[in-house]
Protein backbone atom coordinates (compact mmCIF):
# COMPACT_ATOMS: atom_id res chain seq x y z
CA MET A 1 103.90 100.21 80.44
CA ASP A 2 106.44 97.66 81.58
CA ILE A 3 105.15 94.69 83.55
CA GLY A 4 106.83 94.19 86.89
CA GLY A 5 107.76 97.82 87.36
CA ALA A 6 106.64 100.76 89.45
CA TYR A 7 104.58 103.76 88.27
CA GLY A 8 104.90 102.91 84.60
CA GLY A 9 108.66 102.30 84.62
CA GLY A 10 110.62 99.09 84.41
CA LYS A 11 113.05 97.74 86.94
CA ALA A 12 116.13 99.85 87.61
CA GLY A 13 119.46 98.90 86.11
CA GLY A 14 118.25 97.94 82.65
CA ALA A 15 120.03 98.84 79.43
CA PHE A 16 119.21 102.25 77.95
CA ASP A 17 117.69 102.20 74.47
CA PRO A 18 117.83 105.71 72.92
CA ILE A 19 115.44 104.81 70.08
CA ALA A 20 112.80 103.46 72.44
CA PHE A 21 113.31 106.48 74.68
CA VAL A 22 112.67 108.96 71.86
CA GLN A 23 109.57 107.05 70.79
CA ARG A 24 107.89 107.26 74.18
CA PRO A 25 104.64 109.25 74.11
CA THR A 26 105.63 111.17 77.23
CA VAL A 27 108.97 112.23 75.73
CA ILE A 28 107.36 113.24 72.43
CA LEU A 29 104.73 115.30 74.23
CA ARG A 30 107.40 116.99 76.36
CA ALA A 31 109.32 117.91 73.24
CA VAL A 32 106.17 119.43 71.77
CA CYS A 33 105.63 121.43 74.97
CA TRP A 34 109.24 122.61 74.76
CA LEU A 35 108.77 123.76 71.15
CA PHE A 36 105.49 125.55 71.85
CA ALA A 37 107.04 127.33 74.83
CA ILE A 38 109.81 128.71 72.61
CA ILE A 39 107.24 130.08 70.18
CA VAL A 40 105.14 131.65 72.94
CA PHE A 41 107.88 133.62 74.66
CA GLY A 42 110.09 134.07 71.58
CA CYS A 43 107.44 135.84 69.51
CA ILE A 44 106.59 138.29 72.28
CA SER A 45 110.21 138.93 73.19
CA SER A 46 111.21 139.74 69.62
CA GLU A 47 108.25 141.77 68.33
CA GLY A 48 105.94 142.39 71.26
CA TRP A 49 107.54 145.63 72.39
CA ARG A 50 107.84 148.98 70.62
CA GLU A 51 109.65 152.16 71.50
CA GLU A 52 107.94 155.51 71.60
CA ALA A 53 109.42 158.82 70.48
CA ASN A 54 110.47 159.63 74.04
CA GLY A 55 112.41 156.35 74.24
CA LYS A 56 109.93 154.52 76.47
CA GLU A 57 108.97 150.96 75.50
CA TYR A 58 105.39 149.73 75.46
CA CYS A 59 103.67 146.42 74.75
CA ILE A 60 101.75 146.37 71.50
CA ILE A 61 99.06 144.20 73.14
CA ASN A 62 96.82 147.12 74.12
CA ARG A 63 99.82 148.79 75.74
CA ASP A 64 99.50 146.30 78.59
CA GLY A 65 102.96 145.43 79.80
CA ASN A 66 101.55 142.71 82.05
CA ALA A 67 100.23 140.85 79.02
CA CYS A 68 103.65 140.71 77.39
CA ASN A 69 105.38 139.85 80.67
CA TYR A 70 102.86 137.12 81.43
CA ALA A 71 103.35 135.44 78.04
CA VAL A 72 107.13 135.61 78.35
CA GLY A 73 107.08 134.39 81.96
CA ILE A 74 104.95 131.28 81.49
CA GLY A 75 106.75 130.52 78.22
CA VAL A 76 110.23 130.64 79.74
CA ILE A 77 109.26 128.55 82.77
CA ALA A 78 107.48 126.03 80.52
CA PHE A 79 110.61 125.85 78.34
CA LEU A 80 112.84 125.07 81.34
CA ALA A 81 110.32 122.67 82.89
CA ALA A 82 109.93 120.72 79.66
CA MET A 83 113.69 120.19 79.47
CA GLY A 84 113.76 119.18 83.13
CA PHE A 85 111.00 116.62 82.68
CA ILE A 86 112.69 115.18 79.60
CA ALA A 87 115.80 114.65 81.73
CA GLY A 88 113.55 113.19 84.41
CA GLU A 89 112.18 110.69 81.92
CA TYR A 90 115.71 109.49 81.30
CA LEU A 91 116.46 109.21 85.01
CA PHE A 92 113.10 107.63 85.84
CA GLU A 93 114.21 104.16 84.78
CA GLN A 94 117.29 104.50 86.99
CA MET A 95 115.27 105.26 90.13
CA SER A 96 115.33 102.15 92.31
CA SER A 97 113.32 103.80 95.10
CA VAL A 98 109.56 103.45 94.86
CA LYS A 99 109.06 106.57 96.97
CA THR A 100 111.28 108.61 94.65
CA ARG A 101 109.28 107.49 91.62
CA LYS A 102 106.04 108.33 93.38
CA HIS A 103 107.26 111.83 94.27
CA TYR A 104 108.39 112.41 90.68
CA VAL A 105 105.03 111.29 89.26
CA LEU A 106 103.12 113.49 91.69
CA ALA A 107 105.34 116.49 90.87
CA ASP A 108 104.79 115.84 87.16
CA LEU A 109 101.03 115.57 87.65
CA GLY A 110 100.74 118.72 89.74
CA PHE A 111 103.01 120.93 87.65
CA SER A 112 101.58 119.84 84.30
CA ALA A 113 97.99 120.38 85.41
CA PHE A 114 98.83 123.76 86.93
CA TRP A 115 100.72 124.93 83.85
CA SER A 116 97.90 123.85 81.58
CA PHE A 117 95.64 126.08 83.67
CA LEU A 118 98.10 128.99 83.44
CA PHE A 119 98.24 128.68 79.66
CA PHE A 120 94.44 128.75 79.60
CA ILE A 121 94.49 131.96 81.63
CA GLY A 122 97.18 133.36 79.36
CA PHE A 123 95.26 132.53 76.23
CA CYS A 124 92.11 134.26 77.52
CA TYR A 125 94.11 137.24 78.79
CA LEU A 126 96.10 137.76 75.60
CA THR A 127 93.05 137.28 73.38
CA ASN A 128 91.06 139.82 75.34
CA GLN A 129 93.80 142.44 75.35
CA TRP A 130 94.72 141.88 71.72
CA GLY A 131 91.11 142.41 70.69
CA LYS A 132 91.16 145.84 72.34
CA ALA A 133 94.56 146.87 70.94
CA ASP A 134 95.11 149.29 68.08
CA ASP A 135 96.83 148.05 64.97
CA PRO A 136 100.60 148.55 65.27
CA PRO A 137 102.28 150.87 62.75
CA ASN A 138 102.83 149.08 59.44
CA GLY A 139 101.41 145.91 61.02
CA GLU A 140 104.72 145.12 62.72
CA GLY A 141 104.49 142.39 65.32
CA VAL A 142 100.97 141.31 64.41
CA ASN A 143 101.99 137.84 63.25
CA ASN A 144 104.17 137.35 66.31
CA VAL A 145 101.41 138.20 68.75
CA GLN A 146 98.91 136.02 66.93
CA ALA A 147 101.36 133.12 66.89
CA SER A 148 101.94 133.52 70.62
CA ILE A 149 98.20 133.45 71.27
CA VAL A 150 97.62 130.40 69.05
CA PHE A 151 100.42 128.35 70.58
CA SER A 152 99.30 129.35 74.06
CA PHE A 153 96.03 127.70 73.14
CA PHE A 154 97.83 124.58 71.87
CA SER A 155 99.92 124.45 75.03
CA ILE A 156 96.78 124.03 77.11
CA PHE A 157 96.24 120.60 75.59
CA THR A 158 99.88 119.49 75.48
CA TRP A 159 100.41 120.17 79.18
CA ALA A 160 97.03 118.63 79.97
CA GLY A 161 98.20 115.55 78.06
CA CYS A 162 101.33 115.41 80.20
CA ALA A 163 99.17 115.59 83.31
CA TYR A 164 97.01 112.76 81.95
CA PHE A 165 100.03 110.48 81.38
CA ALA A 166 101.28 111.28 84.87
CA PHE A 167 97.86 110.37 86.27
CA LEU A 168 97.98 107.02 84.46
CA ARG A 169 101.38 106.35 85.99
CA PHE A 170 100.13 107.21 89.46
CA LYS A 171 97.05 105.05 88.96
CA ALA A 172 99.20 102.10 87.84
CA GLY A 173 101.04 102.14 91.16
CA VAL A 174 103.57 99.47 92.08
CA ASP A 175 103.52 95.96 90.68
CA PRO A 176 103.89 93.29 93.42
CA SER A 177 106.82 91.73 91.60
CA PHE A 178 108.87 94.92 91.74
CA SER A 179 112.19 94.03 93.34
CA SER A 180 112.83 97.21 95.30
CA THR A 181 111.48 95.86 98.59
CA TYR A 182 114.00 97.57 100.84
CA GLU A 183 113.45 100.90 99.16
CA SER A 184 109.68 100.71 99.58
CA ASP A 185 109.90 99.55 103.23
CA PRO A 186 113.14 100.64 104.92
CA SER A 187 112.09 99.01 108.22
CA ALA A 188 112.33 95.60 106.59
CA ALA A 189 116.04 96.00 106.01
CA GLN A 190 116.56 97.01 109.64
CA GLN A 191 114.62 94.00 110.87
CA TYR A 192 116.73 91.60 108.86
CA ALA A 193 119.92 93.42 109.76
CA ALA A 194 119.13 93.01 113.48
CA TYR A 195 119.72 89.26 113.31
CA PRO A 196 123.39 88.16 113.25
CA ALA A 197 124.63 85.77 110.64
CA SER A 198 124.22 82.15 111.64
CA ASN A 199 127.15 79.75 111.90
CA GLU A 200 126.88 76.17 110.72
CA ASN A 201 128.82 74.97 113.81
CA ASP A 202 126.31 76.61 116.17
CA GLN A 203 123.86 73.79 115.79
CA PHE A 204 126.44 71.28 117.09
CA GLN A 205 127.38 73.33 120.15
CA GLU A 206 125.84 72.51 123.45
CA ALA A 207 123.71 75.06 125.23
CA PRO A 208 125.45 76.88 128.09
CA PHE A 209 125.30 75.16 131.50
CA SER A 210 123.84 72.01 129.91
CA GLY A 211 126.64 69.85 131.35
CA GLN A 212 126.12 71.12 134.89
CA GLN A 213 122.36 70.60 134.66
CA GLN A 214 122.85 66.99 133.58
CA GLN A 215 125.18 66.33 136.53
CA GLN A 216 122.69 67.83 138.99
CA GLN A 217 119.88 65.72 137.55
CA GLN A 218 121.97 62.56 137.86
CA GLN A 219 122.83 63.36 141.49
CA GLN A 220 119.16 63.96 142.32
CA ARG A 221 118.21 60.66 140.70
CA GLY A 222 120.92 58.89 142.77
CA MET A 223 119.57 60.40 145.98
CA TYR A 224 116.03 59.30 145.18
CA THR A 225 117.26 55.80 144.35
CA ALA A 226 119.17 55.58 147.65
CA ASP A 227 116.13 56.62 149.64
CA TYR A 228 113.91 53.99 148.10
CA SER A 229 116.59 51.30 148.42
CA GLN A 230 116.78 51.60 152.28
CA PRO A 231 114.80 48.87 154.05
CA THR A 232 111.78 49.91 156.06
CA TYR A 233 110.82 48.31 159.43
């Protein structure tokens, strides 16, 4: 974690290092999530359905179409989300707004934790239905279904790991030396903008009406002097 940054990221505007980016634990874990998601929905999409004699398709997982659709659904969304978060990791260092970084970290934390839970549900659901299913003819699709179940189990931990890294970022918060002061407190910029720019010649200018006030004071002093100067009997 970079020192002087916000939510685990360095200051915006720095040079992009592709090697360091690829070696980040968060990026590596996202790539693993992306790969597992392809296996989960790809195996079911390719070999999870069979066609009966009357031309109607059925899911080989205990003839439960919801089981196949569930595996494909969470796999496809996980595939797209993993790519989106990898792109977000690239853009994270370019975010100068502290609020934007905070919203991204919270979205990462919430989605990753929720998708880890959905993969846990999917693993239990697929395992239960597959245990009740009859063996497909000639064993076709067995390896695909088993691979989908296994990598659904692995995805529970990969997405939980992503949620853990997001939690560490959120816990780190904002370093006091982070330079994005105006982004974190927009009212500060308005307060400073309310004051006009000072002019060096202003300090040599006389205040308005100062000349007239001096003349009046001199006249009053003259009147007092004249009163005291008159002889008294």
